[in-house]
PDB file of N, CA and C in Angstrom:
ATOM      1  N   MET A   1     182.557  19.554  75.274  1.00  0.00           N
ATOM      2  CA  MET A   1     183.656  20.005  76.060  1.00  0.00           C
ATOM      3  C   MET A   1     183.297  21.152  76.865  1.00  0.00           C
ATOM      4  N   PRO A   2     183.857  21.527  77.599  1.00  0.00           N
ATOM      5  CA  PRO A   2     184.312  22.535  78.760  1.00  0.00           C
ATOM      6  C   PRO A   2     184.789  23.756  78.298  1.00  0.00           C
ATOM      7  N   GLN A   3     184.139  24.700  78.654  1.00  0.00           N
ATOM      8  CA  GLN A   3     185.145  26.169  78.161  1.00  0.00           C
ATOM      9  C   GLN A   3     186.244  26.402  78.876  1.00  0.00           C
ATOM     10  N   ASN A   4     186.370  25.910  80.142  1.00  0.00           N
ATOM     11  CA  ASN A   4     187.663  26.405  80.752  1.00  0.00           C
ATOM     12  C   ASN A   4     188.652  25.146  80.474  1.00  0.00           C
ATOM     13  N   ARG A   5     190.067  25.972  79.867  1.00  0.00           N
ATOM     14  CA  ARG A   5     191.150  24.830  79.334  1.00  0.00           C
ATOM     15  C   ARG A   5     191.468  24.000  80.382  1.00  0.00           C
ATOM     16  N   TRP A   6     191.577  24.110  81.628  1.00  0.00           N
ATOM     17  CA  TRP A   6     192.114  23.275  82.702  1.00  0.00           C
ATOM     18  C   TRP A   6     190.890  22.231  82.783  1.00  0.00           C
ATOM     19  N   ARG A   7     189.779  22.230  82.750  1.00  0.00           N
ATOM     20  CA  ARG A   7     188.548  21.449  82.817  1.00  0.00           C
ATOM     21  C   ARG A   7     189.125  20.355  81.741  1.00  0.00           C
ATOM     22  N   ARG A   8     189.405  20.867  80.292  1.00  0.00           N
ATOM     23  CA  ARG A   8     189.219  20.371  79.379  1.00  0.00           C
ATOM     24  C   ARG A   8     190.925  19.239  79.540  1.00  0.00           C
ATOM     25  N   GLY A   9     191.471  19.908  79.690  1.00  0.00           N
ATOM     26  CA  GLY A   9     193.095  19.239  79.995  1.00  0.00           C
ATOM     27  C   GLY A   9     192.705  18.473  81.101  1.00  0.00           C
ATOM     28  N   LEU A  10     192.017  18.604  82.235  1.00  0.00           N
ATOM     29  CA  LEU A  10     191.875  16.835  83.191  1.00  0.00           C
ATOM     30  C   LEU A  10     190.719  15.977  82.578  1.00  0.00           C
ATOM     31  N   ARG A  11     190.070  16.520  81.641  1.00  0.00           N
ATOM     32  CA  ARG A  11     189.392  15.456  80.830  1.00  0.00           C
ATOM     33  C   ARG A  11     189.807  14.752  80.136  1.00  0.00           C
ATOM     34  N   PHE A  12     190.876  15.377  79.636  1.00  0.00           N
ATOM     35  CA  PHE A  12     191.785  14.487  78.345  1.00  0.00           C
ATOM     36  C   PHE A  12     192.931  13.833  79.290  1.00  0.00           C
ATOM     37  N   MET A  13     193.399  14.722  80.269  1.00  0.00           N
ATOM     38  CA  MET A  13     194.634  13.575  80.961  1.00  0.00           C
ATOM     39  C   MET A  13     194.009  12.267  81.726  1.00  0.00           C
ATOM     40  N   THR A  14     192.620  11.723  82.336  1.00  0.00           N
ATOM     41  CA  THR A  14     192.279  10.514  82.411  1.00  0.00           C
ATOM     42  C   THR A  14     192.535   9.539  81.992  1.00  0.00           C
ATOM     43  N   PRO A  15     191.955   9.679  80.423  1.00  0.00           N
ATOM     44  CA  PRO A  15     192.270   8.478  79.443  1.00  0.00           C
ATOM     45  C   PRO A  15     193.738   8.101  79.425  1.00  0.00           C
ATOM     46  N   GLY A  16     194.817   9.324  79.282  1.00  0.00           N
ATOM     47  CA  GLY A  16     196.088   9.609  79.025  1.00  0.00           C
ATOM     48  C   GLY A  16     197.013   8.432  80.196  1.00  0.00           C
ATOM     49  N   ILE A  17     196.350   8.848  81.097  1.00  0.00           N
ATOM     50  CA  ILE A  17     197.009   7.783  82.498  1.00  0.00           C
ATOM     51  C   ILE A  17     196.529   6.422  82.049  1.00  0.00           C
ATOM     52  N   GLY A  18     195.433   6.333  82.015  1.00  0.00           N
ATOM     53  CA  GLY A  18     195.407   4.691  81.844  1.00  0.00           C
ATOM     54  C   GLY A  18     195.790   4.267  80.290  1.00  0.00           C
ATOM     55  N   LEU A  19     195.795   4.693  79.298  1.00  0.00           N
ATOM     56  CA  LEU A  19     196.808   4.443  78.018  1.00  0.00           C
ATOM     57  C   LEU A  19     197.915   3.851  78.607  1.00  0.00           C
ATOM     58  N   GLY A  20     198.605   5.164  79.276  1.00  0.00           N
ATOM     59  CA  GLY A  20     199.791   4.306  79.597  1.00  0.00           C
ATOM     60  C   GLY A  20     200.537   3.581  80.444  1.00  0.00           C
ATOM     61  N   LEU A  21     199.232   3.473  81.353  1.00  0.00           N
ATOM     62  CA  LEU A  21     199.417   2.094  82.275  1.00  0.00           C
ATOM     63  C   LEU A  21     199.131   0.820  81.530  1.00  0.00           C
ATOM     64  N   VAL A  22     198.195   1.095  80.425  1.00  0.00           N
ATOM     65  CA  VAL A  22     198.249  -0.644  79.777  1.00  0.00           C
ATOM     66  C   VAL A  22     198.944  -0.742  78.473  1.00  0.00           C
ATOM     67  N   LEU A  23     199.723   0.294  78.235  1.00  0.00           N
ATOM     68  CA  LEU A  23     201.038   0.436  77.493  1.00  0.00           C
ATOM     69  C   LEU A  23     202.006  -0.203  78.283  1.00  0.00           C
ATOM     70  N   VAL A  24     202.037  -0.081  79.241  1.00  0.00           N
ATOM     71  CA  VAL A  24     203.295  -0.830  80.328  1.00  0.00           C
ATOM     72  C   VAL A  24     202.922  -2.174  80.684  1.00  0.00           C
ATOM     73  N   PHE A  25     201.692  -2.567  81.284  1.00  0.00           N
ATOM     74  CA  PHE A  25     201.298  -3.696  81.163  1.00  0.00           C
ATOM     75  C   PHE A  25     201.471  -4.566  80.091  1.00  0.00           C
ATOM     76  N   THR A  26     200.705  -4.188  78.815  1.00  0.00           N
ATOM     77  CA  THR A  26     201.019  -4.843  77.526  1.00  0.00           C
ATOM     78  C   THR A  26     202.393  -5.572  77.097  1.00  0.00           C
ATOM     79  N   MET A  27     202.996  -4.404  77.059  1.00  0.00           N
ATOM     80  CA  MET A  27     204.443  -4.386  77.279  1.00  0.00           C
ATOM     81  C   MET A  27     205.382  -5.679  78.069  1.00  0.00           C
ATOM     82  N   SER A  28     204.847  -5.551  79.357  1.00  0.00           N
ATOM     83  CA  SER A  28     205.285  -6.261  80.324  1.00  0.00           C
ATOM     84  C   SER A  28     204.614  -7.850  80.134  1.00  0.00           C
ATOM     85  N   ALA A  29     203.620  -7.926  79.791  1.00  0.00           N
ATOM     86  CA  ALA A  29     202.548  -9.139  79.635  1.00  0.00           C
ATOM     87  C   ALA A  29     203.519  -9.972  78.489  1.00  0.00           C
ATOM     88  N   LEU A  30     203.835  -9.195  77.248  1.00  0.00           N
ATOM     89  CA  LEU A  30     204.063  -9.699  76.166  1.00  0.00           C
ATOM     90  C   LEU A  30     205.858 -10.100  76.433  1.00  0.00           C
ATOM     91  N   ALA A  31     206.383  -9.618  77.211  1.00  0.00           N
ATOM     92  CA  ALA A  31     207.811 -10.271  77.924  1.00  0.00           C
ATOM     93  C   ALA A  31     208.774  -8.847  77.074  1.00  0.00           C
ATOM     94  N   LEU A  32     208.009  -7.871  76.401  1.00  0.00           N
ATOM     95  CA  LEU A  32     209.008  -7.188  75.691  1.00  0.00           C
ATOM     96  C   LEU A  32     210.036  -6.288  76.666  1.00  0.00           C
ATOM     97  N   TRP A  33     209.036  -5.466  77.608  1.00  0.00           N
ATOM     98  CA  TRP A  33     209.974  -4.651  78.837  1.00  0.00           C
ATOM     99  C   TRP A  33     209.476  -5.132  79.955  1.00  0.00           C
ATOM    100  N   SER A  34     210.086  -5.337  80.735  1.00  0.00           N
ATOM    101  CA  SER A  34     209.766  -5.567  82.163  1.00  0.00           C
ATOM    102  C   SER A  34     209.954  -4.530  83.131  1.00  0.00           C
ATOM    103  N   PRO A  35     209.392  -3.570  83.203  1.00  0.00           N
ATOM    104  CA  PRO A  35     209.647  -2.170  83.719  1.00  0.00           C
ATOM    105  C   PRO A  35     209.448  -2.462  85.581  1.00  0.00           C
ATOM    106  N   GLY A  36     210.390  -1.571  86.071  1.00  0.00           N
ATOM    107  CA  GLY A  36     210.381  -1.543  87.734  1.00  0.00           C
ATOM    108  C   GLY A  36     209.661  -0.587  87.717  1.00  0.00           C
ATOM    109  N   THR A  37     209.524  -0.267  89.297  1.00  0.00           N
ATOM    110  CA  THR A  37     208.472   0.550  89.768  1.00  0.00           C
ATOM    111  C   THR A  37     208.899   2.280  89.182  1.00  0.00           C
ATOM    112  N   ARG A  38     210.533   2.183  89.090  1.00  0.00           N
ATOM    113  CA  ARG A  38     210.848   3.643  88.948  1.00  0.00           C
ATOM    114  C   ARG A  38     210.610   4.129  87.565  1.00  0.00           C
ATOM    115  N   THR A  39     210.230   2.698  86.796  1.00  0.00           N
ATOM    116  CA  THR A  39     210.365   2.775  85.106  1.00  0.00           C
ATOM    117  C   THR A  39     208.787   3.560  84.756  1.00  0.00           C
ATOM    118  N   TRP A  40     207.848   2.670  85.022  1.00  0.00           N
ATOM    119  CA  TRP A  40     206.591   2.767  84.746  1.00  0.00           C
ATOM    120  C   TRP A  40     205.725   4.104  85.183  1.00  0.00           C
ATOM    121  N   LEU A  41     205.948   4.232  86.630  1.00  0.00           N
ATOM    122  CA  LEU A  41     205.478   5.479  87.000  1.00  0.00           C
ATOM    123  C   LEU A  41     205.983   6.733  86.240  1.00  0.00           C
ATOM    124  N   PRO A  42     207.077   7.097  85.663  1.00  0.00           N
ATOM    125  CA  PRO A  42     207.459   7.801  85.078  1.00  0.00           C
ATOM    126  C   PRO A  42     206.633   7.927  83.402  1.00  0.00           C
ATOM    127  N   VAL A  43     206.665   6.814  82.887  1.00  0.00           N
ATOM    128  CA  VAL A  43     205.852   6.541  81.783  1.00  0.00           C
ATOM    129  C   VAL A  43     204.615   7.157  81.597  1.00  0.00           C
ATOM    130  N   GLY A  44     203.611   6.727  82.946  1.00  0.00           N
ATOM    131  CA  GLY A  44     202.227   6.909  82.964  1.00  0.00           C
ATOM    132  C   GLY A  44     201.873   8.477  83.507  1.00  0.00           C
ATOM    133  N   ALA A  45     203.290   9.121  83.890  1.00  0.00           N
ATOM    134  CA  ALA A  45     203.190  10.222  83.656  1.00  0.00           C
ATOM    135  C   ALA A  45     203.331  11.222  82.822  1.00  0.00           C
ATOM    136  N   ILE A  46     204.208  10.560  81.599  1.00  0.00           N
ATOM    137  CA  ILE A  46     204.574  11.246  80.565  1.00  0.00           C
ATOM    138  C   ILE A  46     203.136  11.024  79.700  1.00  0.00           C
ATOM    139  N   PHE A  47     202.370   9.992  80.093  1.00  0.00           N
ATOM    140  CA  PHE A  47     201.269  10.006  79.069  1.00  0.00           C
ATOM    141  C   PHE A  47     200.483  10.856  79.736  1.00  0.00           C
ATOM    142  N   ALA A  48     199.996  11.089  80.930  1.00  0.00           N
ATOM    143  CA  ALA A  48     199.378  11.948  81.616  1.00  0.00           C
ATOM    144  C   ALA A  48     199.168  13.431  81.123  1.00  0.00           C
ATOM    145  N   VAL A  49     200.778  13.777  81.292  1.00  0.00           N
ATOM    146  CA  VAL A  49     201.152  15.523  80.879  1.00  0.00           C
ATOM    147  C   VAL A  49     200.867  15.339  79.188  1.00  0.00           C
ATOM    148  N   VAL A  50     201.048  14.125  78.736  1.00  0.00           N
ATOM    149  CA  VAL A  50     200.732  14.561  77.068  1.00  0.00           C
ATOM    150  C   VAL A  50     199.427  14.665  76.622  1.00  0.00           C
ATOM    151  N   PHE A  51     198.811  13.933  77.414  1.00  0.00           N
ATOM    152  CA  PHE A  51     197.337  14.092  77.079  1.00  0.00           C
ATOM    153  C   PHE A  51     196.851  15.069  77.626  1.00  0.00           C
ATOM    154  N   PHE A  52     197.346  15.865  78.728  1.00  0.00           N
ATOM    155  CA  PHE A  52     196.737  17.122  79.607  1.00  0.00           C
ATOM    156  C   PHE A  52     196.972  18.388  78.499  1.00  0.00           C
ATOM    157  N   ALA A  53     198.095  18.214  77.849  1.00  0.00           N
ATOM    158  CA  ALA A  53     198.550  19.271  77.138  1.00  0.00           C
ATOM    159  C   ALA A  53     197.701  19.556  75.760  1.00  0.00           C
ATOM    160  N   ALA A  54     197.390  18.178  75.309  1.00  0.00           N
ATOM    161  CA  ALA A  54     196.252  18.477  74.179  1.00  0.00           C
ATOM    162  C   ALA A  54     195.271  18.807  74.378  1.00  0.00           C
ATOM    163  N   GLY A  55     194.523  18.031  75.706  1.00  0.00           N
ATOM    164  CA  GLY A  55     192.968  18.567  76.195  1.00  0.00           C
ATOM    165  C   GLY A  55     193.065  20.206  76.376  1.00  0.00           C
ATOM    166  N   TYR A  56     194.408  21.067  76.996  1.00  0.00           N
ATOM    167  CA  TYR A  56     194.357  22.232  77.388  1.00  0.00           C
ATOM    168  C   TYR A  56     195.080  22.805  75.992  1.00  0.00           C
ATOM    169  N   LEU A  57     195.331  22.354  74.923  1.00  0.00           N
ATOM    170  CA  LEU A  57     195.436  23.386  73.973  1.00  0.00           C
ATOM    171  C   LEU A  57     194.569  23.243  72.486  1.00  0.00           C
ATOM    172  N   THR A  58     193.218  22.111  72.814  1.00  0.00           N
ATOM    173  CA  THR A  58     192.646  22.169  72.075  1.00  0.00           C
ATOM    174  C   THR A  58     191.628  23.289  71.970  1.00  0.00           C
ATOM    175  N   PRO A  59     191.216  24.044  70.656  1.00  0.00           N
ATOM    176  CA  PRO A  59     190.452  25.041  70.427  1.00  0.00           C
ATOM    177  C   PRO A  59     189.244  25.071  71.278  1.00  0.00           C
ATOM    178  N   THR A  60     188.530  25.920  71.578  1.00  0.00           N
ATOM    179  CA  THR A  60     187.567  26.410  72.748  1.00  0.00           C
ATOM    180  C   THR A  60     186.514  26.378  72.137  1.00  0.00           C
ATOM    181  N   PRO A  61     185.301  25.509  72.513  1.00  0.00           N
ATOM    182  CA  PRO A  61     184.067  24.706  71.300  1.00  0.00           C
ATOM    183  C   PRO A  61     183.424  26.478  71.737  1.00  0.00           C
ATOM    184  N   LEU A  62     182.690  26.683  70.787  1.00  0.00           N
ATOM    185  CA  LEU A  62     181.708  28.009  70.574  1.00  0.00           C
ATOM    186  C   LEU A  62     180.612  27.862  71.412  1.00  0.00           C
ATOM    187  N   PRO A  63     180.268  28.843  72.317  1.00  0.00           N
ATOM    188  CA  PRO A  63     179.459  28.720  73.241  1.00  0.00           C
ATOM    189  C   PRO A  63     177.856  28.093  72.572  1.00  0.00           C
ATOM    190  N   ASP A  64     177.031  28.035  73.669  1.00  0.00           N
ATOM    191  CA  ASP A  64     175.807  27.275  73.113  1.00  0.00           C
ATOM    192  C   ASP A  64     175.135  28.475  72.374  1.00  0.00           C
ATOM    193  N   ASP A  65     175.221  29.840  72.738  1.00  0.00           N
ATOM    194  CA  ASP A  65     174.491  30.971  71.883  1.00  0.00           C
ATOM    195  C   ASP A  65     174.807  30.881  70.610  1.00  0.00           C
ATOM    196  N   GLU A  66     175.989  30.662  69.819  1.00  0.00           N
ATOM    197  CA  GLU A  66     176.592  30.743  68.862  1.00  0.00           C
ATOM    198  C   GLU A  66     175.964  29.565  67.913  1.00  0.00           C
ATOM    199  N   ASP A  67     175.978  28.354  68.542  1.00  0.00           N
ATOM    200  CA  ASP A  67     175.349  26.985  67.874  1.00  0.00           C
ATOM    201  C   ASP A  67     173.584  27.219  67.320  1.00  0.00           C
ATOM    202  N   ASP A  68     173.190  27.961  68.188  1.00  0.00           N
ATOM    203  CA  ASP A  68     171.550  28.465  68.044  1.00  0.00           C
ATOM    204  C   ASP A  68     171.797  29.114  67.195  1.00  0.00           C
ATOM    205  N   GLU A  69     172.647  30.247  67.149  1.00  0.00           N
ATOM    206  CA  GLU A  69     172.104  31.520  65.907  1.00  0.00           C
ATOM    207  C   GLU A  69     172.271  30.394  64.653  1.00  0.00           C
ATOM    208  N   ASP A  70     173.442  29.905  64.272  1.00  0.00           N
ATOM    209  CA  ASP A  70     173.454  28.640  62.976  1.00  0.00           C
ATOM    210  C   ASP A  70     172.376  28.047  62.622  1.00  0.00           C
ATOM    211  N   ASP A  71     171.813  27.345  63.802  1.00  0.00           N
ATOM    212  CA  ASP A  71     170.519  26.620  63.763  1.00  0.00           C
ATOM    213  C   ASP A  71     169.594  27.404  62.861  1.00  0.00           C
ATOM    214  N   ASP A  72     169.271  28.798  63.692  1.00  0.00           N
ATOM    215  CA  ASP A  72     168.375  29.317  63.288  1.00  0.00           C
ATOM    216  C   ASP A  72     168.583  29.816  61.557  1.00  0.00           C
ATOM    217  N   GLU A  73     170.035  30.403  61.171  1.00  0.00           N
ATOM    218  CA  GLU A  73     169.830  30.827  59.890  1.00  0.00           C
ATOM    219  C   GLU A  73     169.569  29.805  59.004  1.00  0.00           C
ATOM    220  N   ASP A  74     169.795  27.933  59.227  1.00  0.00           N
ATOM    221  CA  ASP A  74     169.588  27.324  58.830  1.00  0.00           C
ATOM    222  C   ASP A  74     167.577  27.128  58.564  1.00  0.00           C
ATOM    223  N   ASP A  75     167.111  27.267  59.409  1.00  0.00           N
ATOM    224  CA  ASP A  75     165.770  27.348  59.329  1.00  0.00           C
ATOM    225  C   ASP A  75     165.004  28.226  58.451  1.00  0.00           C
ATOM    226  N   ASP A  76     165.287  29.629  58.785  1.00  0.00           N
ATOM    227  CA  ASP A  76     164.736  30.581  58.000  1.00  0.00           C
ATOM    228  C   ASP A  76     165.100  30.204  56.654  1.00  0.00           C
ATOM    229  N   GLU A  77     166.151  29.635  56.179  1.00  0.00           N
ATOM    230  CA  GLU A  77     166.181  29.224  54.504  1.00  0.00           C
ATOM    231  C   GLU A  77     165.260  28.323  54.306  1.00  0.00           C
ATOM    232  N   ASP A  78     164.879  27.540  55.347  1.00  0.00           N
ATOM    233  CA  ASP A  78     163.455  26.123  55.306  1.00  0.00           C
ATOM    234  C   ASP A  78     162.058  26.965  54.664  1.00  0.00           C
ATOM    235  N   ASP A  79     162.133  28.019  55.502  1.00  0.00           N
ATOM    236  CA  ASP A  79     160.825  29.015  55.295  1.00  0.00           C
ATOM    237  C   ASP A  79     160.067  28.628  54.328  1.00  0.00           C
ATOM    238  N   ASP A  80     160.951  29.581  53.241  1.00  0.00           N
ATOM    239  CA  ASP A  80     160.256  29.679  51.783  1.00  0.00           C
ATOM    240  C   ASP A  80     159.736  28.640  50.967  1.00  0.00           C
ATOM    241  N   ASP A  81     160.208  27.578  51.432  1.00  0.00           N
ATOM    242  CA  ASP A  81     159.523  26.184  50.621  1.00  0.00           C
ATOM    243  C   ASP A  81     158.330  26.309  51.150  1.00  0.00           C
ATOM    244  N   ALA A  82     157.352  26.030  50.402  1.00  0.00           N
ATOM    245  CA  ALA A  82     156.140  25.646  50.837  1.00  0.00           C
ATOM    246  C   ALA A  82     155.546  24.061  51.141  1.00  0.00           C
ATOM    247  N   VAL A  83     154.515  23.666  52.118  1.00  0.00           N
ATOM    248  CA  VAL A  83     154.604  22.420  52.677  1.00  0.00           C
ATOM    249  C   VAL A  83     152.975  22.535  52.413  1.00  0.00           C
ATOM    250  N   PRO A  84     152.484  21.256  51.189  1.00  0.00           N
ATOM    251  CA  PRO A  84     151.577  21.099  51.139  1.00  0.00           C
ATOM    252  C   PRO A  84     150.716  20.768  52.209  1.00  0.00           C
ATOM    253  N   ALA A  85     149.416  20.891  52.324  1.00  0.00           N
ATOM    254  CA  ALA A  85     148.560  20.406  53.458  1.00  0.00           C
ATOM    255  C   ALA A  85     148.429  19.157  53.295  1.00  0.00           C
ATOM    256  N   ARG A  86     148.155  18.547  54.403  1.00  0.00           N
ATOM    257  CA  ARG A  86     148.127  16.945  54.628  1.00  0.00           C
ATOM    258  C   ARG A  86     146.294  17.032  55.002  1.00  0.00           C
ATOM    259  N   VAL A  87     145.745  16.294  53.580  1.00  0.00           N
ATOM    260  CA  VAL A  87     144.285  15.853  53.597  1.00  0.00           C
ATOM    261  C   VAL A  87     144.254  14.450  54.496  1.00  0.00           C
ATOM    262  N   THR A  88     143.451  14.226  55.125  1.00  0.00           N
ATOM    263  CA  THR A  88     142.636  13.083  56.073  1.00  0.00           C
ATOM    264  C   THR A  88     141.302  12.594  55.460  1.00  0.00           C
ATOM    265  N   ALA A  89     141.197  11.569  55.532  1.00  0.00           N
ATOM    266  CA  ALA A  89     139.792  10.823  55.089  1.00  0.00           C
ATOM    267  C   ALA A  89     139.520  10.517  56.578  1.00  0.00           C
ATOM    268  N   PRO A  90     137.831  10.667  56.276  1.00  0.00           N
ATOM    269  CA  PRO A  90     137.359  10.102  57.363  1.00  0.00           C
ATOM    270  C   PRO A  90     137.670   8.801  58.214  1.00  0.00           C
ATOM    271  N   ALA A  91     137.730   8.460  59.388  1.00  0.00           N
ATOM    272  CA  ALA A  91     137.622   7.013  59.510  1.00  0.00           C
ATOM    273  C   ALA A  91     136.357   6.130  59.123  1.00  0.00           C
ATOM    274  N   ALA A  92     136.577   4.974  58.839  1.00  0.00           N
ATOM    275  CA  ALA A  92     135.669   3.926  58.363  1.00  0.00           C
ATOM    276  C   ALA A  92     135.060   3.452  59.806  1.00  0.00           C
ATOM    277  N   PRO A  93     133.659   2.892  59.619  1.00  0.00           N
ATOM    278  CA  PRO A  93     133.074   2.719  60.788  1.00  0.00           C
ATOM    279  C   PRO A  93     133.547   1.553  61.337  1.00  0.00           C
ATOM    280  N   ALA A  94     133.656   1.072  62.095  1.00  0.00           N
ATOM    281  CA  ALA A  94     134.028  -0.598  62.803  1.00  0.00           C
ATOM    282  C   ALA A  94     132.987  -1.230  62.605  1.00  0.00           C
ATOM    283  N   PRO A  95     133.702  -2.706  62.189  1.00  0.00           N
ATOM    284  CA  PRO A  95     132.569  -3.693  61.920  1.00  0.00           C
ATOM    285  C   PRO A  95     131.688  -4.054  63.047  1.00  0.00           C
ATOM    286  N   PRO A  96     130.703  -4.734  63.257  1.00  0.00           N
ATOM    287  CA  PRO A  96     130.167  -5.031  64.410  1.00  0.00           C
ATOM    288  C   PRO A  96     130.595  -6.456  65.416  1.00  0.00           C
ATOM    289  N   ALA A  97     130.712  -6.195  66.671  1.00  0.00           N
ATOM    290  CA  ALA A  97     131.550  -7.395  67.516  1.00  0.00           C
ATOM    291  C   ALA A  97     131.117  -8.567  67.486  1.00  0.00           C
ATOM    292  N   ALA A  98     131.820  -9.424  67.720  1.00  0.00           N
ATOM    293  CA  ALA A  98     131.197 -10.431  67.583  1.00  0.00           C
ATOM    294  C   ALA A  98     130.678 -11.273  68.785  1.00  0.00           C
ATOM    295  N   PRO A  99     129.941 -12.411  68.925  1.00  0.00           N
ATOM    296  CA  PRO A  99     129.558 -12.483  70.284  1.00  0.00           C
ATOM    297  C   PRO A  99     130.629 -13.027  71.164  1.00  0.00           C
ATOM    298  N   ALA A 100     130.297 -12.773  72.704  1.00  0.00           N
ATOM    299  CA  ALA A 100     131.495 -13.251  73.506  1.00  0.00           C
ATOM    300  C   ALA A 100     131.466 -14.834  74.001  1.00  0.00           C
ATOM    301  N   THR A 101     130.127 -15.272  73.575  1.00  0.00           N
ATOM    302  CA  THR A 101     130.413 -16.557  74.127  1.00  0.00           C
ATOM    303  C   THR A 101     130.536 -17.610  72.855  1.00  0.00           C
ATOM    304  N   VAL A 102     130.495 -18.862  73.321  1.00  0.00           N
ATOM    305  CA  VAL A 102     130.658 -19.715  72.435  1.00  0.00           C
ATOM    306  C   VAL A 102     130.421 -20.816  72.956  1.00  0.00           C
ATOM    307  N   SER A 103     129.460 -21.729  72.022  1.00  0.00           N
ATOM    308  CA  SER A 103     128.850 -22.877  72.656  1.00  0.00           C
ATOM    309  C   SER A 103     129.278 -23.986  71.819  1.00  0.00           C
ATOM    310  N   PHE A 104     129.350 -25.058  72.869  1.00  0.00           N
ATOM    311  CA  PHE A 104     129.633 -26.471  72.611  1.00  0.00           C
ATOM    312  C   PHE A 104     128.704 -27.405  72.597  1.00  0.00           C
ATOM    313  N   GLY A 105     128.269 -27.604  71.003  1.00  0.00           N
ATOM    314  CA  GLY A 105     126.930 -28.701  70.534  1.00  0.00           C
ATOM    315  C   GLY A 105     125.917 -28.263  71.192  1.00  0.00           C
ATOM    316  N   SER A 106     124.883 -29.073  72.004  1.00  0.00           N
ATOM    317  CA  SER A 106     123.664 -28.392  72.936  1.00  0.00           C
ATOM    318  C   SER A 106     124.108 -27.972  74.037  1.00  0.00           C
ATOM    319  N   SER A 107     125.039 -28.289  74.632  1.00  0.00           N
ATOM    320  CA  SER A 107     125.220 -28.058  75.855  1.00  0.00           C
ATOM    321  C   SER A 107     126.506 -27.088  76.275  1.00  0.00           C
ATOM    322  N   ASN A 108     125.733 -26.171  77.267  1.00  0.00           N
ATOM    323  CA  ASN A 108     127.258 -24.569  77.714  1.00  0.00           C
ATOM    324  C   ASN A 108     128.267 -25.135  78.116  1.00  0.00           C
ATOM    325  N   GLU A 109     127.943 -26.372  78.843  1.00  0.00           N
ATOM    326  CA  GLU A 109     129.239 -26.451  80.163  1.00  0.00           C
ATOM    327  C   GLU A 109     130.201 -26.897  78.943  1.00  0.00           C
ATOM    328  N   VAL A 110     131.415 -26.795  79.628  1.00  0.00           N
ATOM    329  CA  VAL A 110     132.577 -27.158  79.153  1.00  0.00           C
ATOM    330  C   VAL A 110     133.296 -28.790  79.869  1.00  0.00           C
ATOM    331  N   PRO A 111     133.133 -29.586  79.510  1.00  0.00           N
ATOM    332  CA  PRO A 111     133.604 -30.760  80.754  1.00  0.00           C
ATOM    333  C   PRO A 111     135.075 -30.218  80.995  1.00  0.00           C
ATOM    334  N   PRO A 112     135.557 -30.680  82.239  1.00  0.00           N
ATOM    335  CA  PRO A 112     136.731 -30.493  82.780  1.00  0.00           C
ATOM    336  C   PRO A 112     138.191 -31.422  82.141  1.00  0.00           C
ATOM    337  N   PRO A 113     139.303 -30.871  82.133  1.00  0.00           N
ATOM    338  CA  PRO A 113     140.032 -31.847  81.493  1.00  0.00           C
ATOM    339  C   PRO A 113     140.473 -32.876  81.887  1.00  0.00           C
ATOM    340  N   PRO A 114     140.861 -34.029  81.206  1.00  0.00           N
ATOM    341  CA  PRO A 114     141.358 -35.273  81.800  1.00  0.00           C
ATOM    342  C   PRO A 114     142.271 -35.372  82.929  1.00  0.00           C
ATOM    343  N   GLY A 115     142.214 -36.096  83.984  1.00  0.00           N
ATOM    344  CA  GLY A 115     142.765 -36.360  84.989  1.00  0.00           C
ATOM    345  C   GLY A 115     142.550 -34.922  86.399  1.00  0.00           C
ATOM    346  N   ILE A 116     141.676 -34.549  85.888  1.00  0.00           N
ATOM    347  CA  ILE A 116     141.754 -33.173  87.013  1.00  0.00           C
ATOM    348  C   ILE A 116     139.934 -33.798  87.853  1.00  0.00           C
ATOM    349  N   GLY A 117     139.896 -33.243  88.917  1.00  0.00           N
ATOM    350  CA  GLY A 117     138.668 -33.604  89.803  1.00  0.00           C
ATOM    351  C   GLY A 117     138.463 -35.425  90.017  1.00  0.00           C
ATOM    352  N   GLY A 118     139.666 -36.217  90.157  1.00  0.00           N
ATOM    353  CA  GLY A 118     139.726 -37.479  90.789  1.00  0.00           C
ATOM    354  C   GLY A 118     139.089 -38.732  89.876  1.00  0.00           C
ATOM    355  N   SER A 119     138.462 -38.559  89.104  1.00  0.00           N
ATOM    356  CA  SER A 119     137.722 -39.418  88.193  1.00  0.00           C
ATOM    357  C   SER A 119     138.428 -39.301  86.711  1.00  0.00           C
ATOM    358  N   PRO A 120     138.917 -40.765  86.841  1.00  0.00           N
ATOM    359  CA  PRO A 120     139.798 -41.128  85.418  1.00  0.00           C
ATOM    360  C   PRO A 120     138.855 -40.926  83.868  1.00  0.00           C
ATOM    361  N   SER A 121     139.297 -40.665  83.107  1.00  0.00           N
ATOM    362  CA  SER A 121     138.627 -40.451  81.668  1.00  0.00           C
ATOM    363  C   SER A 121     138.880 -41.338  80.764  1.00  0.00           C
TER     364      SER A 121
END
């Protein structure tokens, strides 16, 4: 959240306008209330003002410096605990690679698939 109260109020006001307009539209779609222009504009404005006031009156967030101090205090508490050393075993040698060629019977040539080359098989 921004440190500036006006910016916080404006950030809250935008969803307030949207919520007010959605409420008016929903009431109209459900045939509960069919507002005219002189009615739905003030409803949207009232929601905007209420949400702006809520954003304006929210407590000022802590500066980033104070958040870091809290984190540093938590880190200092963890320094007292001993962490065991990690022991790793040497890697096993890789098995020998398999030959890259494959033989089919006595001939090393692979016949073409059926239907390719113009000769029926």
